[in-house]
Amino acid sequence: MTHSERIVILDFGSQYTQIIARKVREAGVYAEIHPYNISKEAFEALAPKGLILSGGPSSVYADGAPIPSFDVFSLNIPVLGICYGLQLIAHQLGGQVDKAARREFGRAMLTIDDRSDLFFGMRAATQVWMSHGDHLTAIPPGFEHLAHTENADICAIRDPQRRIYGVQFHPEVAHTSEGRVLLKNFVLTICGCSPTWNATSFIDAAIADIRATVGSGGVICALSGGVDSTVVAVLLHKAIGDQVHCIHVDSGLMRKGESTQIEELFRKHFSMSIDVVDASELFLSRLDGVSDPEKKRKIIGGAFIEVFDAEAKKFSDAQFLAQGTLYPDVIESLSVKGPSATIKTHHNVGGLPDTMKLSLIEPFRELFKDEVRAVGRELGIPDWFVERHPFPGPGLAIRIPGPISAEKLNILRDADEIYLDEIRAAGLYNSIWQAFAVLLPVQSVGVMGDERTYEYVCALRAVTSTDGMTADWYHMPYEVQARISNRIINEVRGINRVVYDISSKPPATIEWE
């Protein structure tokens, strides 16, 4: 998709790089991430109005430290270096970087010595988030000192002539209280961007892009039942009408009553046709006896492609397959944007097999979850659906560690339904990014009606997040936990113990597999 204005972020391996992109977009400017070693030709083809250098775990003076493949400071566009990015500026332009006597990790009070341009509108003393072991001991020629902390004399610098800025802290994270102000100052004032990136502008550009790509061809839209694929389907229908053919595959791994709910939403609310394919026997037979989570994902992804390939043959005009792939899916599956580690494979990322003669369309490949929700609202999708928690493509298969069976799936479906019902009844659903039950491959002894039981353990997971890249466990009120546990143990035959997961991402992931 083409963008009239953009900010490019070069990724040096920070876990916060994706948050930088989100925060810039929240300021109304499109931002995208590229690897630190992007070629000069590819970079110039993007024609960015500004450049942000991310943080990273390396030391600039270490062997093999990530260094851009060309001089990024001679492009005549504003540059903002964050943490490692600041140190790279100093290292390459004649300053001095050394190991700090005291490393800084966590909150710190920043004293701003110059509150013009980059720090305009910010308090003279403001809380920031530090995460560094190196620091500047000398600024490069032509630079000015802008801010300091008690532990570091040089925390922000500026070259006013070349419009190069650097900060030692992370303005993108929530713990930096006025970080949004700083980033907005950079992209809107210093880079001169217009705040025109929003759901409406995205929809207009996406519709034009879809029409140009598809022409008169037909599009098979894979409806998983989640928010992402649903919004994709509605967007496609707005763009090309009946050229889109929606197919929902009931893999047998769906939540309770989900396939029926999806069918009703499309037929009644949007007057769109949808083919529902019951492929549960195929999926469960392929997964029989499989425990390894990566094998599960690959089996499920392969089965989905196989079913869609067969269904696509029923539509003579089918030339494309649409999916609701998101930016975080791409980042977690393929380390193409920078040196970040691959966490796990997403079944809908990475292209199609050669045997499938459909081209892939992924309108949301550049979007974060909150942006997709905004697009959904703009397209008229009801709030009760747009606000649904994320549901993974592999479905309940990755919420049953170990081998999967029809019996386990039914037990988990019942427990999950009770869990979601109770958090909705308590008015907590929209305060939680994602909540779900997990059926553990562990059985424990219990007592019910004076009889000994030996049944499964159900783990409850609930997290808060903004984009799924990082997450904190949700502090569920004890009385709500008690009601959920009581109902699951009493109403779901096969579970006699309920536990609550209090781990954050990182180090854990949101899903258990």
Protein backbone atom coordinates (compact mmCIF):
# COMPACT_ATOMS: atom_id res chain seq x y z
CA MET A 1 0.00 0.00 0.00
CA THR A 2 1.29 3.46 -0.84
CA HIS A 3 1.56 6.16 1.82
CA SER A 4 1.93 9.87 1.11
CA GLU A 5 3.93 10.44 4.31
CA ARG A 6 5.80 7.97 6.44
CA ILE A 7 8.33 7.67 9.22
CA VAL A 8 10.80 4.80 8.91
CA ILE A 9 12.08 3.02 12.01
CA LEU A 10 15.30 1.04 11.72
CA ASP A 11 15.26 -1.97 14.04
CA PHE A 12 18.43 -2.65 16.02
CA GLY A 13 16.86 -5.44 18.06
CA SER A 14 14.89 -3.65 20.77
CA GLN A 15 11.86 -5.41 22.25
CA TYR A 16 10.17 -2.00 22.08
CA THR A 17 10.62 -1.32 18.35
CA GLN A 18 7.01 -2.20 17.48
CA ILE A 19 5.77 0.13 20.22
CA ILE A 20 7.62 3.02 18.57
CA ALA A 21 5.64 2.37 15.37
CA ARG A 22 2.35 2.26 17.28
CA LYS A 23 3.04 5.51 19.14
CA VAL A 24 3.98 7.34 15.94
CA ARG A 25 0.78 6.09 14.31
CA GLU A 26 -1.20 7.28 17.33
CA ALA A 27 0.14 10.74 16.50
CA GLY A 28 -1.59 10.38 13.12
CA VAL A 29 1.47 9.53 11.03
CA TYR A 30 2.13 6.21 9.29
CA ALA A 31 5.28 4.45 10.51
CA GLU A 32 6.88 1.20 9.44
CA ILE A 33 9.82 -0.88 10.61
CA HIS A 34 12.75 -2.03 8.50
CA PRO A 35 15.97 -3.88 9.33
CA TYR A 36 18.92 -1.74 10.38
CA ASN A 37 20.89 -2.92 7.32
CA ILE A 38 18.33 -1.92 4.68
CA SER A 39 20.06 -0.80 1.46
CA LYS A 40 20.28 2.87 0.61
CA GLU A 41 18.30 2.28 -2.59
CA ALA A 42 15.45 0.53 -0.76
CA PHE A 43 15.43 3.23 1.93
CA GLU A 44 15.32 6.09 -0.55
CA ALA A 45 12.49 4.39 -2.44
CA LEU A 46 10.40 4.69 0.75
CA ALA A 47 10.93 8.48 0.72
CA PRO A 48 10.39 8.91 4.49
CA LYS A 49 9.95 12.33 6.06
CA GLY A 50 11.87 11.24 9.13
CA LEU A 51 13.96 8.40 10.55
CA ILE A 52 13.93 6.80 14.00
CA LEU A 53 16.80 4.56 15.15
CA SER A 54 15.50 2.03 17.68
CA GLY A 55 17.14 0.78 20.83
CA GLY A 56 18.91 -2.56 20.98
CA PRO A 57 20.84 -4.91 23.26
CA SER A 58 24.27 -4.40 21.65
CA SER A 59 27.13 -2.09 22.52
CA VAL A 60 28.10 0.14 19.61
CA TYR A 61 31.79 -0.65 20.07
CA ALA A 62 31.34 -4.45 20.28
CA ASP A 63 32.38 -6.77 17.44
CA GLY A 64 29.40 -7.42 15.19
CA ALA A 65 27.36 -4.50 16.56
CA PRO A 66 24.53 -3.62 14.15
CA ILE A 67 25.51 -0.66 11.97
CA PRO A 68 23.47 0.78 9.05
CA SER A 69 24.72 -0.13 5.58
CA PHE A 70 24.98 3.54 4.52
CA ASP A 71 25.35 6.99 6.09
CA VAL A 72 21.88 7.63 7.50
CA PHE A 73 22.94 11.07 8.75
CA SER A 74 23.49 12.55 5.28
CA LEU A 75 19.91 12.12 4.00
CA ASN A 76 18.72 15.65 4.85
CA ILE A 77 15.77 14.32 6.88
CA PRO A 78 15.31 14.55 10.67
CA VAL A 79 16.71 11.63 12.70
CA LEU A 80 15.80 10.55 16.24
CA GLY A 81 18.02 7.98 17.97
CA ILE A 82 16.60 6.11 20.97
CA CYS A 83 18.98 4.47 23.48
CA TYR A 84 21.23 2.39 21.18
CA GLY A 85 20.22 4.84 18.45
CA LEU A 86 21.60 7.72 20.51
CA GLN A 87 24.84 5.83 21.11
CA LEU A 88 25.12 5.07 17.39
CA ILE A 89 24.82 8.79 16.64
CA ALA A 90 27.62 9.58 19.07
CA HIS A 91 29.78 6.66 17.90
CA GLN A 92 29.54 7.54 14.21
CA LEU A 93 29.63 11.34 14.44
CA GLY A 94 32.59 11.87 16.77
CA GLY A 95 31.22 11.58 20.30
CA GLN A 96 32.24 9.12 23.00
CA VAL A 97 30.35 6.09 24.35
CA ASP A 98 31.57 4.17 27.42
CA LYS A 99 30.29 1.56 29.82
CA ALA A 100 28.40 3.27 32.60
CA ALA A 101 29.71 3.01 36.14
CA ARG A 102 26.11 2.38 37.16
CA ARG A 103 23.69 0.80 34.69
CA GLU A 104 20.21 2.31 34.54
CA PHE A 105 17.18 0.06 34.24
CA GLY A 106 13.73 1.29 35.17
CA ARG A 107 12.19 4.63 36.06
CA ALA A 108 14.32 7.77 36.37
CA MET A 109 13.62 11.49 36.70
CA LEU A 110 14.79 13.44 33.68
CA THR A 111 15.72 17.10 34.06
CA ILE A 112 15.17 18.94 30.78
CA ASP A 113 17.67 21.74 30.20
CA ASP A 114 16.20 22.91 26.86
CA ARG A 115 12.44 22.65 26.33
CA SER A 116 12.33 23.89 22.75
CA ASP A 117 11.35 21.68 19.74
CA LEU A 118 11.83 18.04 20.89
CA PHE A 119 10.82 18.69 24.52
CA PHE A 120 8.30 21.45 23.81
CA GLY A 121 5.30 21.34 26.15
CA MET A 122 6.92 18.90 28.57
CA ARG A 123 7.57 19.46 32.28
CA ALA A 124 11.06 20.56 33.36
CA ALA A 125 11.32 17.37 35.44
CA THR A 126 9.60 14.30 34.01
CA GLN A 127 9.60 10.54 34.55
CA VAL A 128 11.32 8.42 31.87
CA TRP A 129 12.14 4.73 31.39
CA MET A 130 15.81 3.78 31.18
CA SER A 131 17.31 0.52 29.93
CA HIS A 132 21.02 0.84 29.20
CA GLY A 133 24.46 -0.28 30.29
CA ASP A 134 26.43 2.21 28.14
CA HIS A 135 26.20 5.99 28.14
CA LEU A 136 27.60 9.06 26.42
CA THR A 137 30.64 10.70 27.98
CA ALA A 138 31.19 13.24 25.18
CA ILE A 139 28.76 14.64 22.61
CA PRO A 140 29.74 14.88 18.92
CA PRO A 141 30.85 18.19 17.37
CA GLY A 142 27.93 20.42 16.41
CA PHE A 143 25.59 18.89 19.00
CA GLU A 144 23.95 20.52 21.99
CA HIS A 145 23.15 19.03 25.38
CA LEU A 146 19.38 18.94 26.15
CA ALA A 147 18.70 16.87 29.30
CA HIS A 148 20.24 14.85 32.14
CA THR A 149 19.40 12.57 35.06
CA GLU A 150 21.08 12.19 38.44
CA ASN A 151 22.92 9.14 37.10
CA ALA A 152 23.78 10.36 33.58
CA ASP A 153 24.92 13.83 32.55
CA ILE A 154 23.99 13.36 28.87
CA CYS A 155 20.48 12.00 28.29
CA ALA A 156 19.45 13.97 25.21
CA ILE A 157 21.34 15.78 22.45
CA ARG A 158 20.56 17.77 19.30
CA ASP A 159 22.33 18.95 16.14
CA PRO A 160 20.04 21.85 15.12
CA GLN A 161 21.62 22.26 11.69
CA ARG A 162 21.20 18.65 10.54
CA ARG A 163 18.07 18.06 12.70
CA ILE A 164 19.60 14.99 14.39
CA TYR A 165 18.30 14.17 17.89
CA GLY A 166 19.10 11.46 20.40
CA VAL A 167 17.64 10.38 23.75
CA GLN A 168 19.02 7.84 26.21
CA PHE A 169 15.58 6.80 27.49
CA HIS A 170 12.61 5.08 25.80
CA PRO A 171 9.85 7.62 24.97
CA GLU A 172 7.71 4.88 23.40
CA VAL A 173 6.93 2.94 26.60
CA ALA A 174 4.09 3.82 28.96
CA HIS A 175 6.49 4.32 31.89
CA THR A 176 7.84 7.46 30.18
CA SER A 177 5.04 9.75 31.27
CA GLU A 178 5.33 12.34 28.49
CA GLY A 179 6.81 10.13 25.78
CA ARG A 180 3.86 10.68 23.44
CA VAL A 181 4.46 14.42 23.56
CA LEU A 182 8.11 13.95 22.57
CA LEU A 183 7.29 11.64 19.66
CA LYS A 184 4.51 13.94 18.47
CA ASN A 185 6.95 16.88 18.57
CA PHE A 186 9.39 14.89 16.45
CA VAL A 187 7.02 13.62 13.75
CA LEU A 188 4.65 16.60 13.48
CA THR A 189 6.85 19.63 14.23
CA ILE A 190 10.41 18.58 13.41
CA CYS A 191 9.60 16.24 10.49
CA GLY A 192 6.66 18.37 9.32
CA CYS A 193 4.24 15.46 8.87
CA SER A 194 0.47 15.94 8.75
CA PRO A 195 -1.63 13.85 11.19
CA THR A 196 -3.72 12.18 8.47
CA TRP A 197 -3.17 8.49 9.25
CA ASN A 198 -6.44 7.10 10.66
CA ALA A 199 -9.04 4.41 10.04
CA THR A 200 -10.82 6.41 7.33
CA SER A 201 -7.65 7.15 5.37
CA PHE A 202 -6.60 3.52 5.67
CA ILE A 203 -9.95 2.25 4.38
CA ASP A 204 -9.86 4.59 1.37
CA ALA A 205 -6.30 3.55 0.48
CA ALA A 206 -7.00 -0.15 1.10
CA ILE A 207 -10.11 -0.16 -1.11
CA ALA A 208 -8.18 1.45 -3.96
CA ASP A 209 -5.34 -1.03 -3.47
CA ILE A 210 -7.67 -4.06 -3.38
CA ARG A 211 -9.51 -2.96 -6.54
CA ALA A 212 -6.25 -2.37 -8.41
CA THR A 213 -4.86 -5.74 -7.31
CA VAL A 214 -7.96 -7.88 -7.83
CA GLY A 215 -9.42 -6.37 -10.98
CA SER A 216 -12.27 -8.65 -12.07
CA GLY A 217 -10.94 -11.70 -10.20
CA GLY A 218 -12.61 -13.45 -7.30
CA VAL A 219 -11.29 -13.52 -3.75
CA ILE A 220 -11.65 -16.39 -1.30
CA CYS A 221 -11.81 -14.92 2.20
CA ALA A 222 -10.81 -17.22 5.02
CA LEU A 223 -13.11 -16.45 7.96
CA SER A 224 -11.67 -17.79 11.20
CA GLY A 225 -14.31 -16.18 13.39
CA GLY A 226 -11.93 -13.67 14.92
CA VAL A 227 -12.03 -9.89 14.63
CA ASP A 228 -9.23 -9.66 12.05
CA SER A 229 -10.65 -11.95 9.37
CA THR A 230 -14.15 -10.56 9.92
CA VAL A 231 -13.02 -6.98 9.35
CA VAL A 232 -11.06 -8.12 6.28
CA ALA A 233 -14.20 -9.75 4.85
CA VAL A 234 -16.32 -6.62 5.35
CA LEU A 235 -13.57 -4.42 3.87
CA LEU A 236 -13.32 -6.69 0.81
CA HIS A 237 -17.09 -6.66 0.36
CA LYS A 238 -17.05 -2.85 0.47
CA ALA A 239 -14.28 -2.82 -2.13
CA ILE A 240 -15.38 -5.51 -4.61
CA GLY A 241 -18.88 -6.64 -3.57
CA ASP A 242 -19.85 -10.15 -4.64
CA GLN A 243 -16.39 -10.86 -6.02
CA VAL A 244 -15.50 -11.94 -2.47
CA HIS A 245 -16.47 -15.47 -1.46
CA CYS A 246 -16.39 -15.95 2.34
CA ILE A 247 -15.58 -19.42 3.62
CA HIS A 248 -15.63 -20.40 7.27
CA VAL A 249 -13.98 -23.69 8.10
CA ASP A 250 -15.25 -25.31 11.27
CA SER A 251 -12.06 -27.06 12.27
CA GLY A 252 -13.59 -28.60 15.38
CA LEU A 253 -11.24 -26.30 17.29
CA MET A 254 -13.68 -23.41 17.66
CA ARG A 255 -15.25 -22.03 20.82
CA LYS A 256 -18.78 -23.07 21.77
CA GLY A 257 -21.40 -22.01 19.20
CA GLU A 258 -18.89 -19.86 17.33
CA SER A 259 -19.51 -21.08 13.79
CA THR A 260 -23.26 -20.47 14.12
CA GLN A 261 -22.64 -16.97 15.49
CA ILE A 262 -20.33 -16.08 12.58
CA GLU A 263 -22.84 -17.30 10.02
CA GLU A 264 -25.64 -15.22 11.55
CA LEU A 265 -23.49 -12.08 11.74
CA PHE A 266 -22.65 -12.12 8.04
CA ARG A 267 -26.00 -13.19 6.69
CA LYS A 268 -28.21 -11.01 8.90
CA HIS A 269 -26.08 -7.93 9.64
CA PHE A 270 -24.18 -7.55 6.37
CA SER A 271 -26.35 -9.58 3.95
CA MET A 272 -23.20 -11.36 2.79
CA SER A 273 -23.10 -14.97 1.66
CA ILE A 274 -20.89 -17.35 3.59
CA ASP A 275 -20.06 -21.01 3.06
CA VAL A 276 -19.57 -22.98 6.27
CA VAL A 277 -17.47 -26.11 5.84
CA ASP A 278 -17.42 -28.75 8.59
CA ALA A 279 -13.89 -30.14 8.45
CA SER A 280 -13.63 -31.15 12.10
CA GLU A 281 -13.00 -34.82 11.36
CA LEU A 282 -10.10 -33.96 9.03
CA PHE A 283 -8.41 -31.68 11.57
CA LEU A 284 -8.87 -33.99 14.55
CA SER A 285 -7.60 -37.03 12.64
CA ARG A 286 -4.48 -35.11 11.54
CA LEU A 287 -3.85 -33.94 15.11
CA ASP A 288 -4.38 -37.33 16.69
CA GLY A 289 -1.49 -38.10 19.08
CA VAL A 290 0.42 -34.88 18.25
CA SER A 291 1.86 -33.04 21.27
CA ASP A 292 4.49 -30.66 19.88
CA PRO A 293 2.95 -27.15 19.55
CA GLU A 294 4.90 -26.25 16.40
CA LYS A 295 3.76 -29.48 14.73
CA LYS A 296 0.18 -28.68 15.73
CA ARG A 297 0.42 -25.24 14.11
CA LYS A 298 1.93 -26.63 10.90
CA ILE A 299 -0.65 -29.43 10.67
CA ILE A 300 -3.49 -26.99 11.21
CA GLY A 301 -2.08 -24.49 8.71
CA GLY A 302 -1.66 -27.25 6.12
CA ALA A 303 -5.19 -28.55 6.68
CA PHE A 304 -6.67 -25.06 6.33
CA ILE A 305 -4.86 -24.54 3.02
CA GLU A 306 -6.01 -27.95 1.80
CA VAL A 307 -9.66 -27.23 2.62
CA PHE A 308 -9.55 -23.75 1.14
CA ASP A 309 -7.90 -25.08 -2.01
CA ALA A 310 -10.73 -27.59 -2.44
CA GLU A 311 -13.40 -24.95 -1.74
CA ALA A 312 -11.77 -22.41 -4.06
CA LYS A 313 -12.17 -24.81 -6.99
CA LYS A 314 -15.93 -24.34 -6.63
CA PHE A 315 -15.52 -20.69 -7.67
CA SER A 316 -14.32 -20.40 -11.26
CA ASP A 317 -13.26 -16.76 -10.80
CA ALA A 318 -11.15 -17.38 -7.66
CA GLN A 319 -7.65 -15.95 -8.08
CA PHE A 320 -6.85 -14.67 -4.57
CA LEU A 321 -6.95 -15.80 -0.93
CA ALA A 322 -7.49 -13.09 1.72
CA GLN A 323 -6.31 -13.46 5.32
CA GLY A 324 -6.42 -11.31 8.44
CA THR A 325 -2.68 -11.41 9.12
CA LEU A 326 -1.50 -8.60 11.43
CA TYR A 327 1.84 -6.85 11.83
CA PRO A 328 2.68 -8.61 15.15
CA ASP A 329 1.98 -11.99 13.46
CA VAL A 330 4.54 -11.15 10.80
CA ILE A 331 7.08 -9.89 13.34
CA GLU A 332 6.74 -13.00 15.57
CA SER A 333 6.87 -15.46 12.68
CA LEU A 334 9.58 -14.03 10.47
CA SER A 335 12.57 -12.03 11.65
CA VAL A 336 12.56 -10.00 8.44
CA LYS A 337 12.31 -6.60 10.08
CA GLY A 338 15.47 -6.79 12.15
CA PRO A 339 17.52 -8.93 14.51
CA SER A 340 14.65 -9.85 16.85
CA ALA A 341 14.25 -13.57 17.58
CA THR A 342 11.47 -15.68 16.09
CA ILE A 343 9.08 -16.66 18.90
CA LYS A 344 6.63 -19.02 17.20
CA THR A 345 5.08 -19.72 13.84
CA HIS A 346 1.69 -18.27 12.93
CA HIS A 347 -0.20 -20.59 10.60
CA ASN A 348 -1.34 -17.76 8.34
CA VAL A 349 2.06 -16.14 7.76
CA GLY A 350 4.72 -16.96 5.24
CA GLY A 351 2.96 -17.42 1.91
CA LEU A 352 1.13 -20.21 0.16
CA PRO A 353 2.37 -23.59 -1.07
CA ASP A 354 3.27 -23.87 -4.76
CA THR A 355 0.42 -26.33 -5.29
CA MET A 356 -2.15 -23.67 -4.45
CA LYS A 357 -2.83 -21.42 -7.43
CA LEU A 358 -4.14 -18.45 -5.45
CA SER A 359 -2.30 -15.21 -4.78
CA LEU A 360 -2.34 -13.91 -1.21
CA ILE A 361 -4.04 -10.69 -0.11
CA GLU A 362 -3.36 -9.47 3.44
CA PRO A 363 -4.80 -5.95 3.81
CA PHE A 364 -3.91 -5.77 7.53
CA ARG A 365 -0.34 -7.02 7.28
CA GLU A 366 0.87 -3.54 8.31
CA LEU A 367 -1.70 -2.98 11.10
CA PHE A 368 -1.78 -3.52 14.84
CA LYS A 369 -4.85 -4.94 16.59
CA ASP A 370 -6.19 -1.64 17.88
CA GLU A 371 -5.99 -0.21 14.35
CA VAL A 372 -8.00 -3.14 12.98
CA ARG A 373 -10.67 -2.54 15.62
CA ALA A 374 -10.85 1.13 14.57
CA VAL A 375 -11.25 0.06 10.93
CA GLY A 376 -14.00 -2.37 11.97
CA ARG A 377 -15.96 0.35 13.77
CA GLU A 378 -15.62 2.64 10.78
CA LEU A 379 -17.02 -0.15 8.56
CA GLY A 380 -20.07 -0.53 10.81
CA ILE A 381 -19.24 -3.82 12.51
CA PRO A 382 -21.10 -3.95 15.88
CA ASP A 383 -19.09 -3.09 18.99
CA TRP A 384 -19.92 -6.42 20.64
CA PHE A 385 -17.99 -8.12 17.84
CA VAL A 386 -15.22 -5.56 17.28
CA GLU A 387 -14.33 -5.67 20.98
CA ARG A 388 -14.01 -9.46 21.05
CA HIS A 389 -10.76 -10.74 22.48
CA PRO A 390 -8.20 -12.12 20.02
CA PHE A 391 -8.67 -15.77 19.11
CA PRO A 392 -5.72 -17.66 17.60
CA GLY A 393 -5.91 -19.17 14.13
CA PRO A 394 -5.11 -22.67 15.45
CA GLY A 395 -8.02 -22.25 17.87
CA LEU A 396 -8.36 -24.41 20.96
CA ALA A 397 -5.59 -26.76 19.73
CA ILE A 398 -2.98 -24.51 21.34
CA ARG A 399 -5.00 -24.23 24.54
CA ILE A 400 -4.75 -27.96 25.17
CA PRO A 401 -1.05 -28.72 25.75
CA GLY A 402 -0.31 -32.28 24.74
CA PRO A 403 -2.47 -34.55 22.57
CA ILE A 404 -5.94 -33.31 21.55
CA SER A 405 -9.18 -35.27 21.62
CA ALA A 406 -12.86 -34.52 21.02
CA GLU A 407 -13.49 -35.13 24.73
CA LYS A 408 -10.85 -32.60 25.83
CA LEU A 409 -12.15 -30.04 23.34
CA ASN A 410 -15.69 -30.34 24.71
CA ILE A 411 -14.45 -29.98 28.30
CA LEU A 412 -12.44 -26.88 27.38
CA ARG A 413 -15.30 -25.33 25.39
CA ASP A 414 -17.62 -25.57 28.38
CA ALA A 415 -15.05 -24.15 30.80
CA ASP A 416 -14.13 -21.31 28.44
CA GLU A 417 -17.77 -20.34 27.94
CA ILE A 418 -18.34 -20.10 31.71
CA TYR A 419 -15.16 -18.04 32.13
CA LEU A 420 -16.13 -15.49 29.47
CA ASP A 421 -19.74 -15.33 30.67
CA GLU A 422 -18.62 -14.49 34.20
CA ILE A 423 -16.14 -11.75 33.24
CA ARG A 424 -18.80 -10.19 31.01
CA ALA A 425 -21.33 -10.35 33.85
CA ALA A 426 -18.79 -8.66 36.14
CA GLY A 427 -18.26 -5.85 33.59
CA LEU A 428 -14.59 -6.77 33.15
CA TYR A 429 -14.52 -8.02 29.55
CA ASN A 430 -13.52 -4.74 27.88
CA SER A 431 -10.83 -4.06 30.51
CA ILE A 432 -9.03 -7.25 29.47
CA TRP A 433 -7.04 -7.66 26.24
CA GLN A 434 -7.50 -11.43 26.16
CA ALA A 435 -9.02 -14.00 28.48
CA PHE A 436 -9.30 -17.74 27.92
CA ALA A 437 -9.17 -21.12 29.61
CA VAL A 438 -6.45 -23.73 29.11
CA LEU A 439 -6.93 -27.45 29.73
CA LEU A 440 -3.71 -28.76 31.22
CA PRO A 441 -2.35 -32.26 30.53
CA VAL A 442 -2.37 -32.80 34.29
CA GLN A 443 -4.88 -34.65 36.41
CA SER A 444 -5.19 -34.15 40.13
CA VAL A 445 -7.00 -35.78 43.01
CA GLY A 446 -10.19 -34.18 44.24
CA VAL A 447 -13.22 -35.01 46.36
CA MET A 448 -16.78 -34.59 45.09
CA GLY A 449 -19.77 -35.93 47.00
CA ASP A 450 -17.54 -37.97 49.34
CA GLU A 451 -16.01 -39.66 46.30
CA ARG A 452 -12.44 -39.43 45.11
CA THR A 453 -12.00 -37.85 41.66
CA TYR A 454 -9.01 -37.78 39.34
CA GLU A 455 -9.69 -35.09 36.77
CA TYR A 456 -8.10 -32.32 34.72
CA VAL A 457 -6.72 -28.96 35.86
CA CYS A 458 -8.08 -25.84 34.14
CA ALA A 459 -5.83 -22.76 33.98
CA LEU A 460 -7.40 -19.34 33.52
CA ARG A 461 -5.45 -16.68 31.62
CA ALA A 462 -6.28 -12.96 31.42
CA VAL A 463 -3.91 -10.20 30.30
CA THR A 464 -3.89 -6.48 29.64
CA SER A 465 -2.07 -5.16 26.57
CA THR A 466 -2.28 -2.60 23.78
CA ASP A 467 -0.94 -4.62 20.85
CA GLY A 468 -0.14 -8.12 22.09
CA MET A 469 3.62 -7.54 21.81
CA THR A 470 3.92 -7.15 25.59
CA ALA A 471 1.30 -7.98 28.23
CA ASP A 472 0.70 -7.91 31.98
CA TRP A 473 -1.47 -10.42 33.81
CA TYR A 474 -4.86 -9.03 34.76
CA HIS A 475 -5.52 -8.59 38.48
CA MET A 476 -8.83 -10.39 38.54
CA PRO A 477 -10.92 -9.63 41.65
CA TYR A 478 -10.91 -12.59 44.04
CA GLU A 479 -14.69 -12.76 44.23
CA VAL A 480 -14.89 -13.09 40.41
CA GLN A 481 -12.21 -15.77 40.41
CA ALA A 482 -14.16 -17.61 43.11
CA ARG A 483 -17.40 -17.56 41.08
CA ILE A 484 -15.64 -18.76 37.94
CA SER A 485 -13.84 -21.57 39.76
CA ASN A 486 -16.98 -22.67 41.55
CA ARG A 487 -19.03 -22.79 38.35
CA ILE A 488 -16.39 -24.61 36.27
CA ILE A 489 -15.80 -27.29 38.91
CA ASN A 490 -19.53 -27.77 39.52
CA GLU A 491 -20.75 -27.59 35.92
CA VAL A 492 -17.95 -29.05 33.80
CA ARG A 493 -17.52 -32.77 34.20
CA GLY A 494 -13.83 -33.60 33.87
CA ILE A 495 -12.34 -30.63 35.78
CA ASN A 496 -11.81 -30.64 39.54
CA ARG A 497 -9.19 -27.89 39.96
CA VAL A 498 -8.87 -24.32 38.64
CA VAL A 499 -5.68 -22.19 38.74
CA TYR A 500 -4.95 -18.61 37.63
CA ASP A 501 -1.92 -17.68 35.48
CA ILE A 502 -0.03 -14.63 36.85
CA SER A 503 2.86 -14.46 34.35
CA SER A 504 3.51 -11.52 32.02
CA LYS A 505 4.83 -11.30 28.45
CA PRO A 506 7.78 -11.38 28.41
CA PRO A 507 9.03 -13.76 29.76
CA ALA A 508 5.90 -15.85 29.07
CA THR A 509 3.81 -15.60 25.90
CA ILE A 510 0.07 -14.86 26.07
CA GLU A 511 -0.99 -18.23 24.69
CA TRP A 512 0.41 -21.32 26.38
CA GLU A 513 1.60 -22.82 23.09
